[in-house]
C-alpha atoms as a PDB file:
ATOM      1  CA  UNK A   1     -54.846  70.611  -3.477  1.00  0.00           C
ATOM      2  CA  UNK A   2     -56.344  70.730  -0.073  1.00  0.00           C
ATOM      3  CA  UNK A   3     -54.889  70.801   3.357  1.00  0.00           C
ATOM      4  CA  UNK A   4     -57.214  67.888   4.236  1.00  0.00           C
ATOM      5  CA  UNK A   5     -55.753  66.198   0.575  1.00  0.00           C
ATOM      6  CA  UNK A   6     -51.756  67.117   1.970  1.00  0.00           C
ATOM      7  CA  UNK A   7     -52.716  65.511   5.366  1.00  0.00           C
ATOM      8  CA  UNK A   8     -53.791  62.674   4.092  1.00  0.00           C
ATOM      9  CA  UNK A   9     -50.886  62.024   1.426  1.00  0.00           C
ATOM     10  CA  UNK A  10     -48.252  62.359   4.505  1.00  0.00           C
ATOM     11  CA  UNK A  11     -49.610  59.758   6.086  1.00  0.00           C
ATOM     12  CA  UNK A  12     -49.964  58.022   2.978  1.00  0.00           C
ATOM     13  CA  UNK A  13     -46.782  58.291   1.669  1.00  0.00           C
ATOM     14  CA  UNK A  14     -45.102  57.918   5.202  1.00  0.00           C
ATOM     15  CA  UNK A  15     -46.738  54.827   5.781  1.00  0.00           C
ATOM     16  CA  UNK A  16     -45.429  53.138   2.632  1.00  0.00           C
ATOM     17  CA  UNK A  17     -42.116  54.242   3.663  1.00  0.00           C
ATOM     18  CA  UNK A  18     -41.995  52.416   6.780  1.00  0.00           C
ATOM     19  CA  UNK A  19     -44.091  49.441   5.460  1.00  0.00           C
ATOM     20  CA  UNK A  20     -41.043  48.717   3.338  1.00  0.00           C
ATOM     21  CA  UNK A  21     -38.190  49.462   5.895  1.00  0.00           C
ATOM     22  CA  UNK A  22     -37.241  52.805   4.260  1.00  0.00           C
ATOM     23  CA  UNK A  23     -37.189  54.689   7.835  1.00  0.00           C
ATOM     24  CA  UNK A  24     -37.117  52.411  11.534  1.00  0.00           C
ATOM     25  CA  UNK A  25     -39.133  52.920  14.743  1.00  0.00           C
ATOM     26  CA  UNK A  26     -39.961  56.606  15.332  1.00  0.00           C
ATOM     27  CA  UNK A  27     -37.165  58.172  12.637  1.00  0.00           C
ATOM     28  CA  UNK A  28     -37.527  60.158   9.761  1.00  0.00           C
ATOM     29  CA  UNK A  29     -39.998  63.052   9.422  1.00  0.00           C
ATOM     30  CA  UNK A  30     -41.801  64.988   5.951  1.00  0.00           C
ATOM     31  CA  UNK A  31     -43.214  68.633   5.664  1.00  0.00           C
ATOM     32  CA  UNK A  32     -44.834  69.961   2.954  1.00  0.00           C
ATOM     33  CA  UNK A  33     -45.284  74.217   2.608  1.00  0.00           C
ATOM     34  CA  UNK A  34     -48.621  75.210   2.513  1.00  0.00           C
ATOM     35  CA  UNK A  35     -49.940  77.955   0.239  1.00  0.00           C
ATOM     36  CA  UNK A  36     -50.077  80.553   3.063  1.00  0.00           C
ATOM     37  CA  UNK A  37     -46.483  80.164   3.486  1.00  0.00           C
ATOM     38  CA  UNK A  38     -46.683  77.884   6.820  1.00  0.00           C
ATOM     39  CA  UNK A  39     -46.559  74.121   6.502  1.00  0.00           C
ATOM     40  CA  UNK A  40     -47.401  70.803   8.108  1.00  0.00           C
ATOM     41  CA  UNK A  41     -44.895  68.533   9.639  1.00  0.00           C
ATOM     42  CA  UNK A  42     -44.486  65.206  11.041  1.00  0.00           C
ATOM     43  CA  UNK A  43     -44.727  65.320  15.148  1.00  0.00           C
ATOM     44  CA  UNK A  44     -41.736  64.218  17.318  1.00  0.00           C
ATOM     45  CA  UNK A  45     -41.991  60.808  18.240  1.00  0.00           C
ATOM     46  CA  UNK A  46     -44.123  59.674  15.710  1.00  0.00           C
ATOM     47  CA  UNK A  47     -43.553  56.460  13.398  1.00  0.00           C
ATOM     48  CA  UNK A  48     -43.988  56.991   9.719  1.00  0.00           C
ATOM     49  CA  UNK A  49     -45.982  54.311  10.162  1.00  0.00           C
ATOM     50  CA  UNK A  50     -48.510  55.424  11.820  1.00  0.00           C
ATOM     51  CA  UNK A  51     -49.678  58.783  11.628  1.00  0.00           C
ATOM     52  CA  UNK A  52     -53.023  60.609  11.931  1.00  0.00           C
ATOM     53  CA  UNK A  53     -53.577  63.151   9.616  1.00  0.00           C
ATOM     54  CA  UNK A  54     -55.297  65.635  12.174  1.00  0.00           C
ATOM     55  CA  UNK A  55     -52.262  65.663  14.550  1.00  0.00           C
ATOM     56  CA  UNK A  56     -49.883  66.393  12.343  1.00  0.00           C
ATOM     57  CA  UNK A  57     -48.070  69.803  13.230  1.00  0.00           C
ATOM     58  CA  UNK A  58     -49.191  72.750  11.566  1.00  0.00           C
ATOM     59  CA  UNK A  59     -46.762  75.202  11.439  1.00  0.00           C
ATOM     60  CA  UNK A  60     -47.068  79.560  10.689  1.00  0.00           C
ATOM     61  CA  UNK A  61     -44.761  81.098   8.182  1.00  0.00           C
ATOM     62  CA  UNK A  62     -42.003  81.445  11.304  1.00  0.00           C
ATOM     63  CA  UNK A  63     -41.755  77.963  12.839  1.00  0.00           C
ATOM     64  CA  UNK A  64     -44.399  78.335  15.463  1.00  0.00           C
ATOM     65  CA  UNK A  65     -46.639  75.786  16.003  1.00  0.00           C
ATOM     66  CA  UNK A  66     -50.478  76.241  15.519  1.00  0.00           C
ATOM     67  CA  UNK A  67     -51.937  73.299  16.001  1.00  0.00           C
ATOM     68  CA  UNK A  68     -51.281  69.535  16.183  1.00  0.00           C
ATOM     69  CA  UNK A  69     -48.897  67.442  18.256  1.00  0.00           C
ATOM     70  CA  UNK A  70     -45.488  68.919  19.393  1.00  0.00           C
ATOM     71  CA  UNK A  71     -43.078  69.047  16.104  1.00  0.00           C
ATOM     72  CA  UNK A  72     -40.210  67.043  14.926  1.00  0.00           C
ATOM     73  CA  UNK A  73     -37.149  68.547  16.523  1.00  0.00           C
ATOM     74  CA  UNK A  74     -35.497  68.625  13.012  1.00  0.00           C
ATOM     75  CA  UNK A  75     -37.785  71.515  12.111  1.00  0.00           C
ATOM     76  CA  UNK A  76     -34.741  73.509  11.424  1.00  0.00           C
ATOM     77  CA  UNK A  77     -33.300  71.279   9.107  1.00  0.00           C
ATOM     78  CA  UNK A  78     -36.393  71.435   6.732  1.00  0.00           C
ATOM     79  CA  UNK A  79     -36.887  75.478   7.732  1.00  0.00           C
ATOM     80  CA  UNK A  80     -33.130  75.592   5.905  1.00  0.00           C
ATOM     81  CA  UNK A  81     -33.902  73.705   2.903  1.00  0.00           C
ATOM     82  CA  UNK A  82     -36.981  75.946   2.266  1.00  0.00           C
ATOM     83  CA  UNK A  83     -35.087  78.825   2.768  1.00  0.00           C
ATOM     84  CA  UNK A  84     -32.365  78.079   0.441  1.00  0.00           C
ATOM     85  CA  UNK A  85     -34.501  76.885  -2.294  1.00  0.00           C
ATOM     86  CA  UNK A  86     -37.421  78.275  -3.266  1.00  0.00           C
ATOM     87  CA  UNK A  87     -38.736  75.659  -5.668  1.00  0.00           C
ATOM     88  CA  UNK A  88     -38.947  73.169  -2.361  1.00  0.00           C
ATOM     89  CA  UNK A  89     -42.656  72.760  -1.465  1.00  0.00           C
ATOM     90  CA  UNK A  90     -41.477  69.471   0.773  1.00  0.00           C
ATOM     91  CA  UNK A  91     -38.558  67.227   2.535  1.00  0.00           C
ATOM     92  CA  UNK A  92     -38.664  64.001   3.449  1.00  0.00           C
ATOM     93  CA  UNK A  93     -35.432  62.732   5.810  1.00  0.00           C
ATOM     94  CA  UNK A  94     -34.885  59.458   6.248  1.00  0.00           C
ATOM     95  CA  UNK A  95     -32.461  56.981   7.969  1.00  0.00           C
ATOM     96  CA  UNK A  96     -32.500  53.898   5.278  1.00  0.00           C
ATOM     97  CA  UNK A  97     -30.190  51.807   5.669  1.00  0.00           C
ATOM     98  CA  UNK A  98     -28.004  52.119   2.551  1.00  0.00           C
ATOM     99  CA  UNK A  99     -27.790  56.034   2.765  1.00  0.00           C
ATOM    100  CA  UNK A 100     -26.964  56.288   6.132  1.00  0.00           C
ATOM    101  CA  UNK A 101     -23.821  53.354   5.418  1.00  0.00           C
ATOM    102  CA  UNK A 102     -22.774  55.805   2.267  1.00  0.00           C
ATOM    103  CA  UNK A 103     -22.680  58.586   4.625  1.00  0.00           C
ATOM    104  CA  UNK A 104     -19.884  57.192   7.184  1.00  0.00           C
ATOM    105  CA  UNK A 105     -17.532  55.767   4.169  1.00  0.00           C
ATOM    106  CA  UNK A 106     -14.013  57.823   3.968  1.00  0.00           C
ATOM    107  CA  UNK A 107     -13.765  58.091   0.379  1.00  0.00           C
ATOM    108  CA  UNK A 108     -16.664  60.233  -0.132  1.00  0.00           C
ATOM    109  CA  UNK A 109     -16.623  63.303  -2.015  1.00  0.00           C
ATOM    110  CA  UNK A 110     -19.081  66.301   0.227  1.00  0.00           C
ATOM    111  CA  UNK A 111     -19.883  67.925  -3.442  1.00  0.00           C
ATOM    112  CA  UNK A 112     -20.901  64.468  -4.738  1.00  0.00           C
ATOM    113  CA  UNK A 113     -21.255  61.802  -2.388  1.00  0.00           C
ATOM    114  CA  UNK A 114     -22.430  59.672  -4.993  1.00  0.00           C
ATOM    115  CA  UNK A 115     -20.914  58.698  -8.708  1.00  0.00           C
ATOM    116  CA  UNK A 116     -23.452  59.344 -11.883  1.00  0.00           C
ATOM    117  CA  UNK A 117     -24.294  55.985 -11.525  1.00  0.00           C
ATOM    118  CA  UNK A 118     -27.883  55.972 -13.697  1.00  0.00           C
ATOM    119  CA  UNK A 119     -29.624  58.037 -15.365  1.00  0.00           C
ATOM    120  CA  UNK A 120     -32.552  57.940 -12.304  1.00  0.00           C
ATOM    121  CA  UNK A 121     -29.825  58.709  -9.972  1.00  0.00           C
ATOM    122  CA  UNK A 122     -29.626  62.077 -11.967  1.00  0.00           C
ATOM    123  CA  UNK A 123     -32.935  62.149 -12.958  1.00  0.00           C
ATOM    124  CA  UNK A 124     -34.208  62.584 -10.015  1.00  0.00           C
ATOM    125  CA  UNK A 125     -31.371  63.510  -7.596  1.00  0.00           C
ATOM    126  CA  UNK A 126     -28.901  65.620  -9.392  1.00  0.00           C
ATOM    127  CA  UNK A 127     -26.023  65.837  -7.260  1.00  0.00           C
ATOM    128  CA  UNK A 128     -25.853  64.909  -3.714  1.00  0.00           C
ATOM    129  CA  UNK A 129     -23.954  66.770  -1.249  1.00  0.00           C
ATOM    130  CA  UNK A 130     -22.650  65.560   2.647  1.00  0.00           C
ATOM    131  CA  UNK A 131     -22.577  67.505   4.927  1.00  0.00           C
ATOM    132  CA  UNK A 132     -20.672  66.572   8.587  1.00  0.00           C
ATOM    133  CA  UNK A 133     -22.510  64.733  11.311  1.00  0.00           C
ATOM    134  CA  UNK A 134     -24.003  67.121  13.646  1.00  0.00           C
ATOM    135  CA  UNK A 135     -26.309  65.804  16.795  1.00  0.00           C
ATOM    136  CA  UNK A 136     -30.141  65.413  15.436  1.00  0.00           C
ATOM    137  CA  UNK A 137     -32.145  68.588  16.103  1.00  0.00           C
ATOM    138  CA  UNK A 138     -28.899  70.520  16.085  1.00  0.00           C
ATOM    139  CA  UNK A 139     -29.805  74.358  14.966  1.00  0.00           C
ATOM    140  CA  UNK A 140     -26.510  74.142  13.630  1.00  0.00           C
ATOM    141  CA  UNK A 141     -27.383  71.530  10.612  1.00  0.00           C
ATOM    142  CA  UNK A 142     -29.184  74.201   9.525  1.00  0.00           C
ATOM    143  CA  UNK A 143     -26.628  76.503   9.032  1.00  0.00           C
ATOM    144  CA  UNK A 144     -24.833  73.718   7.244  1.00  0.00           C
ATOM    145  CA  UNK A 145     -27.561  73.557   5.327  1.00  0.00           C
ATOM    146  CA  UNK A 146     -27.591  77.286   4.225  1.00  0.00           C
ATOM    147  CA  UNK A 147     -23.940  76.967   3.528  1.00  0.00           C
ATOM    148  CA  UNK A 148     -24.832  75.042   0.756  1.00  0.00           C
ATOM    149  CA  UNK A 149     -26.808  78.096  -0.975  1.00  0.00           C
ATOM    150  CA  UNK A 150     -29.735  76.486  -2.495  1.00  0.00           C
ATOM    151  CA  UNK A 151     -27.649  74.265  -4.783  1.00  0.00           C
ATOM    152  CA  UNK A 152     -28.604  70.674  -3.658  1.00  0.00           C
ATOM    153  CA  UNK A 153     -32.139  69.401  -3.359  1.00  0.00           C
ATOM    154  CA  UNK A 154     -30.398  65.837  -2.214  1.00  0.00           C
ATOM    155  CA  UNK A 155     -28.146  65.931   0.979  1.00  0.00           C
ATOM    156  CA  UNK A 156     -26.845  63.099   3.405  1.00  0.00           C
ATOM    157  CA  UNK A 157     -25.983  64.006   6.883  1.00  0.00           C
ATOM    158  CA  UNK A 158     -23.167  62.263   7.797  1.00  0.00           C
ATOM    159  CA  UNK A 159     -23.796  59.400  10.136  1.00  0.00           C
ATOM    160  CA  UNK A 160     -27.319  60.009  10.072  1.00  0.00           C
ATOM    161  CA  UNK A 161     -29.359  59.926   6.903  1.00  0.00           C
ATOM    162  CA  UNK A 162     -30.811  61.964   3.867  1.00  0.00           C
ATOM    163  CA  UNK A 163     -32.671  64.503   3.598  1.00  0.00           C
ATOM    164  CA  UNK A 164     -34.423  65.369   0.003  1.00  0.00           C
ATOM    165  CA  UNK A 165     -36.688  68.517  -1.135  1.00  0.00           C
ATOM    166  CA  UNK A 166     -38.925  68.354  -3.916  1.00  0.00           C
ATOM    167  CA  UNK A 167     -41.295  70.140  -5.833  1.00  0.00           C
ATOM    168  CA  UNK A 168     -44.185  68.106  -4.636  1.00  0.00           C
ATOM    169  CA  UNK A 169     -44.426  65.185  -1.670  1.00  0.00           C
ATOM    170  CA  UNK A 170     -44.247  62.157  -3.891  1.00  0.00           C
ATOM    171  CA  UNK A 171     -41.121  64.034  -5.950  1.00  0.00           C
ATOM    172  CA  UNK A 172     -39.227  64.157  -3.060  1.00  0.00           C
ATOM    173  CA  UNK A 173     -40.192  60.808  -1.936  1.00  0.00           C
ATOM    174  CA  UNK A 174     -39.201  59.194  -5.305  1.00  0.00           C
ATOM    175  CA  UNK A 175     -35.883  61.508  -4.977  1.00  0.00           C
ATOM    176  CA  UNK A 176     -35.204  59.923  -1.609  1.00  0.00           C
ATOM    177  CA  UNK A 177     -36.252  56.589  -2.760  1.00  0.00           C
ATOM    178  CA  UNK A 178     -33.495  56.356  -5.954  1.00  0.00           C
ATOM    179  CA  UNK A 179     -30.699  58.144  -3.194  1.00  0.00           C
ATOM    180  CA  UNK A 180     -31.374  55.263  -1.157  1.00  0.00           C
ATOM    181  CA  UNK A 181     -31.104  52.900  -3.943  1.00  0.00           C
ATOM    182  CA  UNK A 182     -28.327  54.010  -5.618  1.00  0.00           C
ATOM    183  CA  UNK A 183     -26.676  54.706  -2.686  1.00  0.00           C
ATOM    184  CA  UNK A 184     -27.262  50.614  -2.421  1.00  0.00           C
ATOM    185  CA  UNK A 185     -26.175  50.216  -5.644  1.00  0.00           C
ATOM    186  CA  UNK A 186     -22.799  52.399  -4.978  1.00  0.00           C
ATOM    187  CA  UNK A 187     -22.083  49.556  -1.803  1.00  0.00           C
ATOM    188  CA  UNK A 188     -22.448  46.392  -3.998  1.00  0.00           C
ATOM    189  CA  UNK A 189     -20.080  47.366  -6.524  1.00  0.00           C
ATOM    190  CA  UNK A 190     -18.127  48.997  -4.174  1.00  0.00           C
ATOM    191  CA  UNK A 191     -14.106  47.868  -5.108  1.00  0.00           C
ATOM    192  CA  UNK A 192     -15.285  46.369  -8.118  1.00  0.00           C
ATOM    193  CA  UNK A 193     -14.239  48.836 -10.758  1.00  0.00           C
ATOM    194  CA  UNK A 194     -17.763  49.361 -12.683  1.00  0.00           C
ATOM    195  CA  UNK A 195     -18.459  51.695 -15.531  1.00  0.00           C
ATOM    196  CA  UNK A 196     -20.308  55.264 -14.748  1.00  0.00           C
ATOM    197  CA  UNK A 197     -22.043  57.549 -16.655  1.00  0.00           C
ATOM    198  CA  UNK A 198     -19.686  59.417 -19.119  1.00  0.00           C
ATOM    199  CA  UNK A 199     -19.609  63.319 -18.629  1.00  0.00           C
ATOM    200  CA  UNK A 200     -21.687  63.074 -22.282  1.00  0.00           C
ATOM    201  CA  UNK A 201     -23.948  61.194 -20.643  1.00  0.00           C
ATOM    202  CA  UNK A 202     -24.646  63.257 -18.123  1.00  0.00           C
ATOM    203  CA  UNK A 203     -24.578  66.647 -20.451  1.00  0.00           C
ATOM    204  CA  UNK A 204     -27.211  64.904 -22.304  1.00  0.00           C
ATOM    205  CA  UNK A 205     -29.450  63.814 -19.484  1.00  0.00           C
ATOM    206  CA  UNK A 206     -28.747  67.904 -17.745  1.00  0.00           C
ATOM    207  CA  UNK A 207     -29.884  68.595 -21.447  1.00  0.00           C
ATOM    208  CA  UNK A 208     -33.219  66.436 -22.365  1.00  0.00           C
ATOM    209  CA  UNK A 209     -34.574  66.254 -18.498  1.00  0.00           C
ATOM    210  CA  UNK A 210     -33.451  69.492 -17.332  1.00  0.00           C
ATOM    211  CA  UNK A 211     -31.550  68.719 -14.561  1.00  0.00           C
ATOM    212  CA  UNK A 212     -29.551  71.389 -12.720  1.00  0.00           C
ATOM    213  CA  UNK A 213     -26.464  70.509 -11.188  1.00  0.00           C
ATOM    214  CA  UNK A 214     -24.294  72.542  -8.810  1.00  0.00           C
ATOM    215  CA  UNK A 215     -21.987  75.283 -10.984  1.00  0.00           C
ATOM    216  CA  UNK A 216     -18.950  73.494  -9.784  1.00  0.00           C
ATOM    217  CA  UNK A 217     -20.086  69.611  -9.917  1.00  0.00           C
ATOM    218  CA  UNK A 218     -17.516  67.472 -11.236  1.00  0.00           C
ATOM    219  CA  UNK A 219     -17.817  64.160 -12.581  1.00  0.00           C
END
């Protein structure tokens, strides 16, 4: 896909996420890695609903701004995922309501923020890690992401929101949407003792759909 098309896709999908209330105001950011090793990222203080393709931040392989507006302060977060997940070609970070709420609950397992609730959650997200709270833009969040050693494509930032990588931008968007819907299901069913997928059912999904789970992931 050409850089022009990628710019248009970032704006199209960003607007879709914004219009459906998945990240309010000027929150959230999107990046896509380019063939030359550099990347495009949404600018700082930009609403995902009103992006201009010509003003997206174009960074080189070292993260230096080459053209466009100043990039989001969450560049270290995106960079850490690209560095640790070689298959990642896009990263989406939102402030979606139910995922943020989930990240604040005391019972959440940092190695598996959600149980295996649905087949599509397992297929799109695998397991979701929870990292501790850091101030938005704090470079230390990159160290926390790197500490996951690339085992997770789906991560919750405590009291902040989800960040998901994918092998395409569309895949990353679909995964972060699935994470949000599953967080919503978890909150709806909390305390009601719902049935989750069994270990055998999870094993079947990993075999048939090639789901990759961390080695230490326990259900």
